[in-house]
Protein backbone atom coordinates (compact mmCIF):
# COMPACT_ATOMS: atom_id res chain seq x y z
CA MET A 1 130.56 -21.14 11.43
CA TRP A 2 128.38 -18.05 11.26
CA THR A 3 126.10 -17.41 8.31
CA GLN A 4 124.49 -14.09 7.38
CA PHE A 5 120.92 -14.72 6.14
CA ARG A 6 119.15 -12.29 3.83
CA VAL A 7 116.41 -10.39 5.65
CA TRP A 8 113.94 -7.66 4.81
CA PRO A 9 115.11 -4.11 5.55
CA HIS A 10 112.79 -3.68 8.53
CA GLN A 11 114.12 -6.84 10.21
CA ALA A 12 117.09 -6.90 12.56
CA LYS A 13 120.20 -8.49 11.01
CA LEU A 14 120.94 -11.11 13.64
CA PRO A 15 123.62 -13.74 12.94
CA LEU A 16 122.37 -17.33 13.06
CA ARG A 17 124.55 -20.34 13.77
CA ALA A 18 124.21 -22.95 11.00
CA SER A 19 123.42 -26.34 12.52
CA ARG A 20 122.72 -29.73 11.03
CA ASN A 21 119.91 -30.09 13.60
CA ILE A 22 117.91 -27.22 12.10
CA ARG A 23 115.16 -28.44 9.77
CA CYS A 24 115.91 -27.53 6.18
CA LEU A 25 112.80 -27.33 4.00
CA HIS A 26 113.18 -28.48 0.40
CA ILE A 27 110.91 -27.44 -2.44
CA ASP A 28 112.01 -29.92 -5.12
CA GLY A 29 108.75 -31.92 -4.91
CA ARG A 30 110.30 -35.03 -3.39
CA ASN A 31 108.86 -36.55 -0.21
CA ARG A 32 111.47 -36.13 2.51
CA VAL A 33 111.31 -37.26 6.13
CA SER A 34 113.04 -34.00 7.11
CA GLN A 35 109.97 -32.04 6.07
CA PHE A 36 107.23 -34.55 6.90
CA TRP A 37 106.39 -34.60 10.60
CA THR A 38 106.76 -38.13 11.98
CA PRO A 39 106.89 -37.85 15.80
CA THR A 40 107.97 -41.43 16.50
CA VAL A 41 109.01 -42.53 19.99
CA ALA A 42 111.62 -45.16 20.76
CA LYS A 43 110.44 -48.15 22.79
CA ASP A 44 111.21 -47.92 26.48
CA ALA A 45 114.31 -50.03 27.04
CA GLY A 46 112.89 -51.17 30.38
CA SER A 47 109.64 -52.44 28.89
CA LYS A 48 108.96 -56.12 29.60
CA MET A 49 106.23 -56.43 26.97
CA GLU A 50 107.17 -58.94 24.28
CA LYS A 51 104.74 -57.34 21.83
CA GLU A 52 102.97 -54.02 22.09
CA ASP A 53 99.31 -53.82 21.22
CA SER A 54 98.58 -52.19 17.88
CA HIS A 55 97.03 -49.11 19.47
CA ALA A 56 100.26 -48.38 21.36
CA LEU A 57 102.21 -48.91 18.13
CA LEU A 58 100.00 -46.43 16.24
CA ILE A 59 100.71 -43.81 18.88
CA ARG A 60 104.44 -44.56 19.17
CA ALA A 61 104.83 -44.64 15.38
CA GLY A 62 103.36 -41.15 15.10
CA TYR A 63 100.01 -42.01 13.47
CA LEU A 64 97.76 -40.94 16.36
CA PHE A 65 97.67 -38.73 19.40
CA GLN A 66 95.19 -39.64 22.13
CA SER A 67 93.74 -36.50 23.71
CA HIS A 68 91.09 -38.11 25.94
CA SER A 69 89.57 -41.53 26.55
CA GLY A 70 88.07 -42.64 23.21
CA ILE A 71 89.16 -39.44 21.39
CA PHE A 72 92.10 -39.31 18.97
CA HIS A 73 93.84 -36.83 16.69
CA LEU A 74 95.21 -38.10 13.37
CA LEU A 75 98.80 -37.01 12.74
CA PRO A 76 100.27 -36.70 9.21
CA LEU A 77 101.01 -40.42 8.79
CA GLY A 78 97.59 -41.43 10.09
CA LEU A 79 95.86 -38.88 7.89
CA ARG A 80 97.72 -40.17 4.86
CA VAL A 81 96.48 -43.72 5.56
CA GLN A 82 92.94 -42.40 6.02
CA GLU A 83 93.05 -40.39 2.80
CA LYS A 84 94.24 -43.41 0.79
CA LEU A 85 91.48 -45.52 2.29
CA GLU A 86 88.94 -42.83 1.41
CA ARG A 87 90.20 -42.75 -2.19
CA LEU A 88 89.85 -46.54 -2.36
CA ILE A 89 86.28 -46.25 -1.11
CA ASP A 90 85.53 -43.44 -3.58
CA LYS A 91 86.75 -45.65 -6.41
CA HIS A 92 84.41 -48.52 -5.55
CA MET A 93 81.44 -46.29 -4.77
CA ARG A 94 81.81 -44.65 -8.20
CA SER A 95 81.78 -48.14 -9.74
CA ILE A 96 78.09 -48.45 -8.75
CA GLY A 97 77.13 -44.90 -9.69
CA ALA A 98 77.06 -43.39 -6.18
CA SER A 99 77.33 -39.64 -5.65
CA LYS A 100 79.29 -38.24 -2.70
CA LEU A 101 77.81 -35.70 -0.31
CA SER A 102 78.39 -34.41 3.21
CA LEU A 103 75.63 -34.28 5.81
CA SER A 104 75.80 -32.27 9.00
CA SER A 105 76.95 -34.11 12.11
CA ILE A 106 74.04 -32.53 13.99
CA THR A 107 70.60 -34.10 13.86
CA SER A 108 67.46 -33.70 15.98
CA GLU A 109 65.71 -35.74 18.62
CA ALA A 110 62.38 -35.01 16.92
CA LEU A 111 63.47 -36.76 13.72
CA TRP A 112 64.71 -39.81 15.60
CA LYS A 113 61.48 -39.98 17.57
CA LYS A 114 59.52 -40.22 14.31
CA THR A 115 61.30 -43.50 13.53
CA ASP A 116 61.18 -44.79 17.15
CA ARG A 117 64.96 -44.89 17.43
CA TYR A 118 65.34 -42.24 20.11
CA SER A 119 66.06 -43.39 23.65
CA THR A 120 67.21 -41.34 26.62
CA ASN A 121 69.33 -44.27 27.82
CA SER A 122 71.06 -45.01 24.52
CA GLU A 123 74.60 -44.14 23.40
CA LEU A 124 73.44 -41.00 21.59
CA LEU A 125 75.58 -37.93 22.29
CA ARG A 126 73.30 -35.00 22.99
CA VAL A 127 73.97 -31.31 22.34
CA LYS A 128 72.50 -28.79 24.77
CA ASP A 129 72.23 -25.30 23.28
CA ARG A 130 70.79 -22.12 24.79
CA ARG A 131 67.34 -22.88 23.36
CA ASP A 132 67.22 -26.55 24.42
CA SER A 133 66.61 -27.43 20.77
CA GLY A 134 67.09 -31.15 21.27
CA PHE A 135 70.05 -31.73 18.97
CA LEU A 136 72.16 -34.88 18.73
CA LEU A 137 75.60 -35.65 17.39
CA SER A 138 74.59 -38.25 14.89
CA PRO A 139 75.94 -41.82 15.05
CA THR A 140 74.21 -42.57 11.72
CA HIS A 141 72.16 -40.62 9.16
CA GLU A 142 69.21 -42.70 7.96
CA GLU A 143 66.66 -40.14 9.17
CA GLU A 144 68.49 -37.11 7.77
CA ILE A 145 69.20 -38.60 4.33
CA THR A 146 65.58 -39.74 4.04
CA GLU A 147 64.43 -36.17 4.72
CA VAL A 148 66.85 -34.83 2.09
CA VAL A 149 65.77 -37.30 -0.61
CA LYS A 150 62.09 -36.97 0.30
CA ASN A 151 62.24 -33.29 -0.64
CA GLY A 152 64.27 -33.80 -3.81
CA VAL A 153 62.81 -36.92 -5.44
CA LEU A 154 59.15 -37.09 -6.44
CA SER A 155 59.05 -39.69 -9.19
CA TYR A 156 60.42 -43.15 -9.87
CA LYS A 157 62.08 -41.64 -12.95
CA SER A 158 64.70 -40.12 -10.61
CA LEU A 159 65.54 -43.54 -9.18
CA PRO A 160 67.67 -45.50 -8.49
CA LEU A 161 69.58 -43.03 -6.35
CA ARG A 162 72.79 -43.86 -4.52
CA LEU A 163 74.34 -41.34 -2.14
CA TYR A 164 77.27 -41.77 0.20
CA GLN A 165 79.40 -39.81 2.61
CA ILE A 166 82.55 -40.32 4.64
CA SER A 167 82.06 -38.43 7.87
CA ARG A 168 82.70 -38.29 11.58
CA LYS A 169 80.18 -40.05 13.81
CA TYR A 170 79.69 -39.92 17.56
CA ARG A 171 78.71 -42.37 20.26
CA ASP A 172 78.45 -41.96 24.02
CA GLU A 173 80.58 -45.05 24.54
CA LYS A 174 80.44 -46.24 28.15
CA ARG A 175 83.85 -47.90 28.03
CA PRO A 176 86.07 -46.84 25.13
CA ARG A 177 88.63 -49.56 24.43
CA GLN A 178 91.04 -51.00 21.86
CA GLY A 179 91.92 -47.60 20.44
CA LEU A 180 90.20 -46.90 17.13
CA LEU A 181 88.06 -50.03 17.41
CA ARG A 182 85.78 -48.62 20.10
CA ALA A 183 85.94 -44.83 20.35
CA LYS A 184 83.59 -41.94 21.10
CA GLU A 185 84.32 -40.33 17.72
CA PHE A 186 84.90 -42.37 14.58
CA LEU A 187 84.93 -42.07 10.80
CA MET A 188 82.36 -43.98 8.74
CA LYS A 189 81.47 -44.43 5.12
CA ASP A 190 77.69 -44.60 4.73
CA LEU A 191 76.02 -45.42 1.42
CA TYR A 192 72.26 -44.87 1.19
CA THR A 193 70.30 -46.34 -1.71
CA PHE A 194 66.78 -45.55 -2.90
CA ASP A 195 64.63 -47.60 -5.29
CA TYR A 196 60.94 -47.59 -6.17
CA SER A 197 60.26 -51.32 -5.70
CA HIS A 198 61.36 -54.22 -3.55
CA GLU A 199 62.78 -56.07 -6.56
CA LYS A 200 64.86 -53.08 -7.68
CA ALA A 201 66.15 -52.59 -4.13
CA LEU A 202 67.34 -56.20 -4.00
CA GLU A 203 69.19 -55.71 -7.31
CA THR A 204 70.90 -52.68 -5.81
CA TYR A 205 71.76 -54.66 -2.69
CA GLN A 206 73.59 -57.29 -4.72
CA GLN A 207 75.50 -54.61 -6.66
CA VAL A 208 76.64 -53.06 -3.38
CA ARG A 209 77.78 -56.46 -2.11
CA SER A 210 79.84 -56.92 -5.27
CA ALA A 211 81.46 -53.51 -4.77
CA TYR A 212 82.26 -54.36 -1.15
CA SER A 213 83.87 -57.64 -2.18
CA ALA A 214 86.03 -55.82 -4.74
CA LEU A 215 87.07 -53.25 -2.14
CA PHE A 216 88.04 -55.78 0.53
CA ASN A 217 89.79 -57.97 -2.05
CA GLU A 218 91.99 -55.00 -2.95
CA LEU A 219 93.23 -54.83 0.65
CA LYS A 220 94.51 -58.43 0.28
CA ILE A 221 93.56 -59.34 3.86
CA PRO A 222 91.43 -62.46 4.48
CA TYR A 223 87.87 -61.63 5.49
CA VAL A 224 84.56 -63.41 5.95
CA VAL A 225 81.04 -62.32 4.99
CA ALA A 226 78.44 -63.42 7.51
CA ASP A 227 74.66 -63.52 7.33
CA ALA A 228 73.55 -60.99 9.92
CA ASP A 229 70.61 -59.76 11.93
CA SER A 230 69.50 -56.21 11.15
CA GLY A 231 68.72 -55.35 14.77
CA ALA A 232 67.69 -51.77 15.50
CA MET A 233 68.57 -50.65 11.95
CA GLY A 234 65.48 -52.38 10.57
CA GLY A 235 64.91 -54.55 7.52
CA ASN A 236 65.26 -58.30 7.21
CA LEU A 237 68.36 -58.76 5.03
CA SER A 238 71.90 -57.84 6.01
CA HIS A 239 75.49 -59.05 5.85
CA GLU A 240 78.56 -58.29 7.96
CA TYR A 241 82.18 -58.11 6.82
CA HIS A 242 84.66 -59.38 9.39
CA PHE A 243 88.38 -59.81 9.93
CA LEU A 244 88.99 -62.90 12.07
CA SER A 245 91.03 -62.02 15.16
CA PRO A 246 91.28 -63.31 18.74
CA GLN A 247 90.98 -59.67 19.84
CA GLY A 248 87.60 -59.26 18.10
CA GLU A 249 84.43 -58.59 20.07
CA ASP A 250 82.03 -60.43 17.72
CA ASN A 251 81.42 -64.15 17.30
CA VAL A 252 81.13 -65.63 13.82
CA TRP A 253 79.90 -69.20 13.29
CA SER A 254 80.99 -71.26 10.30
CA CYS A 255 80.64 -74.80 9.00
CA ASN A 256 83.65 -77.06 8.47
CA SER A 257 82.06 -78.64 5.40
CA CYS A 258 80.10 -75.99 3.45
CA ASP A 259 80.09 -72.20 2.96
CA TYR A 260 77.69 -71.45 5.82
CA VAL A 261 78.82 -68.34 7.80
CA ALA A 262 76.61 -66.32 10.15
CA ASN A 263 77.04 -63.89 12.99
CA GLU A 264 75.99 -64.74 16.53
CA GLU A 265 72.54 -63.18 16.21
CA LEU A 266 71.61 -65.10 13.05
CA ALA A 267 73.49 -68.37 13.42
CA ALA A 268 71.34 -71.51 13.54
CA LYS A 269 71.84 -75.22 14.16
CA LYS A 270 70.15 -78.38 12.97
CA PRO A 271 67.75 -79.76 15.61
CA ALA A 272 68.78 -82.97 17.37
CA ASP A 273 66.97 -86.17 16.34
CA SER A 274 65.83 -86.89 19.90
CA VAL A 275 65.34 -84.65 22.93
CA SER A 276 64.32 -85.03 26.55
CA THR A 277 61.93 -82.84 28.52
CA ALA A 278 63.59 -80.20 30.72
CA THR A 279 62.84 -80.28 34.44
CA GLU A 280 64.21 -76.80 35.19
CA THR A 281 63.52 -73.71 33.09
CA VAL A 282 64.29 -70.01 32.79
CA GLN A 283 62.40 -67.19 31.09
CA PHE A 284 63.23 -64.12 29.03
CA VAL A 285 60.69 -61.36 28.46
CA GLY A 286 60.77 -59.36 25.23
CA ILE A 287 58.39 -57.26 23.18
CA ASN A 288 57.02 -57.23 19.65
CA LEU A 289 57.78 -54.60 17.03
CA ASP A 290 54.53 -52.64 17.45
CA ARG A 291 55.02 -52.58 21.25
CA THR A 292 51.62 -54.09 22.02
CA THR A 293 52.57 -57.67 23.00
CA ARG A 294 54.70 -58.97 25.84
CA ILE A 295 56.59 -62.08 24.66
CA THR A 296 57.77 -64.57 27.29
CA ILE A 297 60.32 -67.13 26.12
CA HIS A 298 60.77 -70.40 28.07
CA ILE A 299 63.96 -72.48 27.66
CA PRO A 300 65.71 -75.24 29.65
CA ARG A 301 67.89 -73.90 32.43
CA PRO A 302 71.45 -73.46 31.04
CA ARG A 303 74.10 -75.66 32.62
CA SER A 304 76.19 -72.60 33.49
CA LEU A 305 73.50 -71.36 35.89
CA PRO A 306 73.07 -72.86 39.38
CA SER A 307 70.14 -75.22 39.90
CA SER A 308 66.86 -73.78 41.15
CA SER A 309 63.52 -75.24 42.15
CA CYS A 310 61.55 -72.52 40.37
CA SER A 311 61.61 -70.87 36.97
CA GLU A 312 63.68 -67.69 36.93
CA GLU A 313 63.35 -64.60 34.71
CA LEU A 314 66.71 -63.52 33.27
CA PRO A 315 67.43 -59.94 32.11
CA TRP A 316 67.05 -59.23 28.39
CA ASN A 317 70.66 -58.09 28.07
CA LYS A 318 71.62 -61.76 28.67
CA ALA A 319 69.44 -63.01 25.80
CA HIS A 320 72.35 -63.17 23.34
CA SER A 321 74.20 -65.50 25.69
CA TYR A 322 71.41 -68.05 26.18
CA LEU A 323 69.01 -67.75 23.24
CA ASN A 324 69.32 -68.59 19.57
CA LEU A 325 67.77 -65.38 18.29
CA HIS A 326 67.58 -66.61 14.70
CA ALA A 327 65.53 -69.66 15.73
CA LEU A 328 63.41 -67.44 17.94
CA LYS A 329 62.69 -65.06 15.06
CA SER A 330 61.62 -67.99 12.89
CA VAL A 331 58.79 -68.82 15.32
CA CYS A 332 58.13 -65.29 16.51
CA PRO A 333 58.98 -62.99 13.55
CA ASP A 334 57.58 -59.84 15.14
CA LEU A 335 59.89 -60.09 18.20
CA ASP A 336 62.15 -57.02 18.46
CA THR A 337 65.56 -58.62 19.04
CA GLY A 338 67.36 -55.28 18.81
CA ILE A 339 65.51 -53.57 21.67
CA GLU A 340 67.71 -52.06 24.38
CA ALA A 341 67.22 -53.55 27.83
CA SER A 342 67.05 -50.04 29.31
CA SER A 343 64.04 -49.18 27.11
CA LEU A 344 62.31 -52.54 27.41
CA SER A 345 61.13 -52.28 31.03
CA HIS A 346 59.26 -49.05 30.35
CA LEU A 347 57.65 -50.35 27.13
CA LEU A 348 56.46 -53.59 28.78
CA THR A 349 54.18 -51.63 31.11
CA LYS A 350 52.16 -50.46 28.09
CA THR A 351 51.57 -53.85 26.44
CA THR A 352 48.00 -55.12 26.13
CA GLN A 353 48.55 -58.85 25.65
CA THR A 354 51.03 -61.65 26.39
CA HIS A 355 52.40 -64.37 24.11
CA HIS A 356 54.39 -67.38 25.34
CA VAL A 357 57.05 -69.20 23.30
CA TYR A 358 58.37 -72.59 24.46
CA ASP A 359 61.57 -74.45 23.57
CA LEU A 360 60.93 -77.97 22.27
CA ARG A 361 62.22 -79.41 25.58
CA VAL A 362 59.87 -77.31 27.71
CA SER A 363 56.33 -78.60 28.13
CA PRO A 364 53.66 -75.85 28.12
CA PRO A 365 51.30 -75.98 31.12
CA PRO A 366 47.94 -77.66 30.49
CA SER A 367 46.22 -74.28 30.63
CA ALA A 368 48.35 -72.81 27.81
CA SER A 369 46.53 -71.89 24.64
CA PRO A 370 47.77 -73.70 21.49
CA SER A 371 48.37 -70.30 19.93
CA SER A 372 50.85 -69.50 22.71
CA TYR A 373 53.58 -71.82 21.50
CA GLN A 374 55.25 -72.61 18.22
CA SER A 375 54.56 -75.49 15.89
CA PRO A 376 56.62 -77.45 14.99
CA PRO A 377 58.72 -77.50 18.23
CA THR A 378 62.00 -75.57 17.89
CA ASP A 379 65.33 -75.54 19.72
CA LEU A 380 65.61 -71.96 21.06
CA THR A 381 68.85 -72.39 23.01
CA ALA A 382 72.18 -70.80 22.10
CA LEU A 383 74.65 -72.56 19.81
CA HIS A 384 77.66 -74.53 20.99
CA PRO A 385 80.75 -75.64 19.01
CA GLY A 386 80.10 -79.02 17.43
CA ASP A 387 76.39 -78.41 16.79
CA ALA A 388 75.16 -79.68 13.43
CA CYS A 389 75.22 -77.29 10.48
CA PRO A 390 71.73 -76.17 9.40
CA ARG A 391 72.70 -76.03 5.71
CA CYS A 392 74.53 -79.27 4.95
CA SER A 393 74.12 -82.85 6.15
CA ILE A 394 77.63 -83.60 7.45
CA GLY A 395 79.15 -80.38 8.72
CA THR A 396 79.54 -79.13 12.28
CA LEU A 397 79.77 -75.55 13.53
CA SER A 398 82.69 -73.74 15.10
CA VAL A 399 82.95 -70.19 16.41
CA SER A 400 85.67 -67.58 15.82
CA ARG A 401 86.26 -64.16 17.31
CA ALA A 402 86.07 -61.41 14.70
CA ILE A 403 86.18 -57.66 14.12
CA GLU A 404 83.28 -56.20 12.16
CA VAL A 405 84.52 -53.62 9.63
CA GLY A 406 81.54 -53.34 7.24
CA HIS A 407 77.81 -54.00 7.09
CA THR A 408 75.16 -53.97 4.37
CA PHE A 409 71.47 -53.53 5.24
CA HIS A 410 68.39 -53.86 3.07
CA LEU A 411 66.06 -51.51 4.95
CA GLY A 412 62.94 -51.79 2.85
CA THR A 413 60.47 -49.09 3.93
CA ARG A 414 61.68 -48.96 7.56
CA TYR A 415 62.40 -45.21 7.31
CA SER A 416 60.46 -44.08 4.27
CA VAL A 417 57.09 -44.97 5.83
CA PRO A 418 57.37 -43.04 9.13
CA LEU A 419 59.07 -40.12 7.37
CA GLU A 420 56.62 -40.21 4.43
CA ALA A 421 59.28 -40.44 1.73
CA THR A 422 57.15 -41.49 -1.24
CA VAL A 423 57.35 -41.31 -5.04
CA ALA A 424 55.01 -41.72 -7.96
CA VAL A 425 55.42 -45.21 -9.42
CA PRO A 426 54.32 -46.65 -12.79
CA ASN A 427 50.78 -48.08 -13.11
CA THR A 428 49.81 -46.96 -9.60
CA PRO A 429 47.55 -43.98 -8.88
CA THR A 430 49.04 -43.35 -5.41
CA HIS A 431 52.56 -42.53 -4.28
CA GLU A 432 54.50 -45.44 -2.76
CA PRO A 433 57.25 -45.43 -0.08
CA MET A 434 60.77 -45.68 -1.44
CA HIS A 435 62.72 -48.86 -0.73
CA MET A 436 66.03 -48.13 0.96
CA GLY A 437 69.37 -49.66 1.76
CA CYS A 438 72.12 -48.58 4.15
CA HIS A 439 75.68 -49.81 3.72
CA GLY A 440 78.50 -48.86 6.08
CA ILE A 441 82.26 -49.25 6.34
CA GLY A 442 84.07 -48.24 9.52
CA VAL A 443 86.97 -46.21 8.13
CA SER A 444 88.80 -45.51 11.40
CA ARG A 445 87.84 -48.99 12.63
CA LEU A 446 89.33 -50.50 9.47
CA ILE A 447 92.61 -48.66 10.09
CA GLY A 448 92.74 -49.90 13.68
CA SER A 449 91.87 -53.48 12.76
CA ILE A 450 94.46 -53.66 9.96
CA ALA A 451 97.10 -52.37 12.35
CA LEU A 452 96.03 -55.07 14.81
CA LEU A 453 96.09 -57.89 12.25
CA LEU A 454 99.39 -57.07 10.54
CA SER A 455 101.56 -55.65 13.33
CA SER A 456 104.72 -57.47 14.45
CA PRO A 457 107.06 -57.05 17.44
CA SER A 458 109.15 -54.59 15.40
CA GLY A 459 106.27 -52.39 14.24
CA LEU A 460 103.35 -51.92 11.89
CA HIS A 461 102.63 -53.32 8.43
CA TRP A 462 100.15 -52.04 5.85
CA PRO A 463 98.54 -53.29 2.65
CA ARG A 464 99.93 -51.49 -0.35
CA ALA A 465 96.55 -49.88 -1.06
CA ILE A 466 96.57 -47.76 2.12
CA THR A 467 100.19 -47.57 3.31
CA PRO A 468 101.26 -43.95 3.95
CA PHE A 469 104.26 -44.46 1.64
CA GLU A 470 105.13 -47.55 -0.37
CA VAL A 471 108.93 -47.27 -0.29
CA LEU A 472 111.52 -45.61 1.93
CA VAL A 473 114.92 -44.77 0.39
CA PHE A 474 118.00 -43.73 2.37
CA PRO A 475 121.82 -44.03 2.38
CA THR A 476 123.84 -45.62 5.18
CA SER A 477 127.24 -44.41 4.10
CA LYS A 478 128.43 -40.81 4.21
CA GLY A 479 130.31 -41.41 0.98
CA ILE A 480 127.09 -41.69 -1.03
CA SER A 481 126.10 -38.40 -2.62
CA ASP A 482 122.65 -36.87 -2.43
CA SER A 483 122.41 -37.08 -6.22
CA VAL A 484 122.66 -40.89 -6.12
CA VAL A 485 119.91 -41.14 -3.49
CA GLU A 486 117.76 -38.76 -5.53
CA GLN A 487 118.43 -40.83 -8.67
CA CYS A 488 117.14 -43.94 -6.86
CA TYR A 489 114.11 -41.97 -5.61
CA ASP A 490 113.33 -40.62 -9.08
CA GLU A 491 113.67 -44.05 -10.70
CA LEU A 492 110.86 -45.34 -8.47
CA ALA A 493 108.73 -42.20 -8.49
CA GLU A 494 108.68 -42.12 -12.30
CA ALA A 495 107.24 -45.66 -12.20
CA GLY A 496 104.31 -44.43 -10.10
CA VAL A 497 105.66 -45.68 -6.78
CA ASP A 498 104.83 -43.58 -3.69
CA VAL A 499 108.33 -42.94 -2.30
CA MET A 500 109.69 -41.30 0.84
CA MET A 501 113.36 -40.32 1.28
CA ASP A 502 114.94 -40.31 4.74
CA ASP A 503 117.40 -37.42 4.41
CA ARG A 504 117.87 -36.74 8.12
CA GLY A 505 121.55 -36.12 8.68
CA ASN A 506 121.31 -36.12 12.46
CA MET A 507 120.02 -39.71 12.80
CA SER A 508 122.12 -42.88 12.83
CA THR A 509 121.55 -45.72 10.40
CA GLY A 510 120.34 -47.96 13.23
CA TRP A 511 117.76 -45.38 14.29
CA LYS A 512 116.50 -44.97 10.71
CA LEU A 513 116.11 -48.73 10.26
CA LYS A 514 114.18 -49.10 13.52
CA ASP A 515 112.09 -46.07 12.63
CA ALA A 516 111.28 -47.60 9.23
CA ASP A 517 110.22 -50.88 10.86
CA LEU A 518 108.07 -49.07 13.42
CA ILE A 519 106.26 -46.95 10.82
CA GLY A 520 105.81 -49.93 8.54
CA TYR A 521 107.09 -48.90 5.11
CA PRO A 522 106.31 -51.95 2.94
CA VAL A 523 109.65 -51.77 1.12
CA VAL A 524 112.92 -50.19 2.32
CA VAL A 525 115.68 -49.40 -0.20
CA VAL A 526 119.12 -48.89 1.32
CA LEU A 527 122.23 -47.55 -0.40
CA GLY A 528 125.05 -48.83 1.78
CA LYS A 529 128.39 -50.64 1.62
CA ARG A 530 127.27 -52.91 -1.23
CA TRP A 531 126.55 -49.82 -3.29
CA VAL A 532 129.98 -48.32 -2.58
CA GLY A 533 131.80 -51.55 -3.39
CA GLU A 534 129.60 -53.31 -6.00
CA ARG A 535 127.00 -50.75 -7.08
CA LEU A 536 124.22 -52.91 -5.63
CA VAL A 537 121.14 -51.54 -3.87
CA GLU A 538 119.65 -53.39 -0.87
CA VAL A 539 115.88 -53.96 -1.14
CA LYS A 540 114.07 -55.16 2.01
CA CYS A 541 110.46 -56.19 2.60
CA GLY A 542 109.85 -57.03 6.25
CA ARG A 543 106.33 -58.37 5.81
CA LEU A 544 107.45 -60.87 3.16
CA GLY A 545 110.83 -61.55 4.79
CA VAL A 546 112.71 -60.64 1.59
CA VAL A 547 116.18 -59.08 1.25
CA GLU A 548 117.65 -58.67 -2.25
CA TYR A 549 120.67 -56.87 -3.72
CA VAL A 550 120.10 -55.52 -7.22
CA PRO A 551 121.76 -53.00 -9.57
CA MET A 552 120.13 -49.59 -9.95
CA GLY A 553 118.80 -50.60 -13.38
CA LYS A 554 116.64 -53.32 -11.80
CA ILE A 555 115.42 -51.38 -8.79
CA ARG A 556 112.11 -50.45 -10.40
CA GLU A 557 111.30 -54.01 -11.47
CA THR A 558 112.27 -55.50 -8.10
CA VAL A 559 110.30 -53.03 -5.99
CA GLN A 560 107.18 -53.25 -8.15
CA GLY A 561 107.29 -57.04 -7.96
CA LEU A 562 107.31 -56.92 -4.15
CA LEU A 563 104.56 -54.30 -3.94
CA GLU A 564 102.27 -56.37 -6.16
CA ARG A 565 102.37 -59.08 -3.50
CA LEU A 566 101.21 -56.72 -0.73
């Protein structure tokens, strides 16, 4: 069949062959697969993998395209998930009165040097321009936001102030891995809070924690909140939000009897009632926060290390494996536990004094000064499953692998002091540094971790709050008219359901069903043989394992009931 298309006078009138394989764009306002690009790829029939990893599924399902190691492009489905997650974040940030802004991705070395966070050996991505200006692609924006607020807020009357952004961040990742979980470029939500006193800042911190809990509860995925160490960020109060997963890179310790949960850096154990003196020891050498004191830590030689007749100094990058950093901070609070091993060796050459810290099983030499070791004696060794809980009297500790997806930090004056961000405060003649907080959510990391947690051998699954579309509708019989399919679509859309219609005429029913499973539509509505014979619509929810047949009049009620469970 040849069809003559209307053309403008200056265009050649060339006949075009009508084909069902040519994309036909509709403008009726309905979401149609035929006009929404979903470049899915069928699984290789020769593949021997029982279950693909979630990263491979995201690529095969048309959510991502990987351009380089650790660098990804979001395709229409992936962008739709991201946009829904951003709207969810916006909702909960507005609930605590936060204003949204957008900071430049470019920051300067000079600013980072003012806060002592700049290191030539760190994972900072540097930008070399023709003037050698010393720019960085920022992995976080504490310095920049402090500069902005410093120049716009002069009095406590303008506080509290809560500002957030959702922006791309950059990291010179040595070994990108696990797709979106560890990439060179990633999307983050950063909330920065400013108060004029420590007490007000703590009130803000608790409000942010409540907003985070509400946000994660809306995703309906189990999570844990762990006491955390602030590390290089600064401050002395922080919490991490984790999804438990064997593929996680973090360790979270919890008690089997009480609500104690802490990350690896902050986890503690109850000291044993009786201990014996160690005959073999090892040492770690760290540094204090003001970089003036060399701190040597002595612990019993770990069983995993071969025996030696002399004490051995282990590299600082092994400290997390053999030391209980929380216990160490309790006896040596000015120890910088977040220092990078690459920076430590250079800084140690400039120290002016040495301080020794001894585990309770290590006897200090007779010549040691009493001020060189802690009192009372403390167990400084790393935790092991089965150790006694430090909070309750009967519980024991166990460890789980986890994926960190959010973090709240109370920063205090960590950045406002070096950057001189001060305000006039009541009843004080001088300006005082603002008290800050920094609260992050890994947006792209959250997408990757949810895909990891909920995926199945057949494809992806999504929480209702961030799924690209809530329902897919399509017919399986050629005898079903477009108007019936559109009636089903409209019935759901009018109820506020986010619907997609698979109107591709060149795809088989089997392909469409596999495609729907791969993409992960929470609910699939099929008009098939039961509709032709009994006027019943098939409603499927793969994640819940539900298949129901209902009349058109009950389609809205049935679908909404399933979605409320997701």
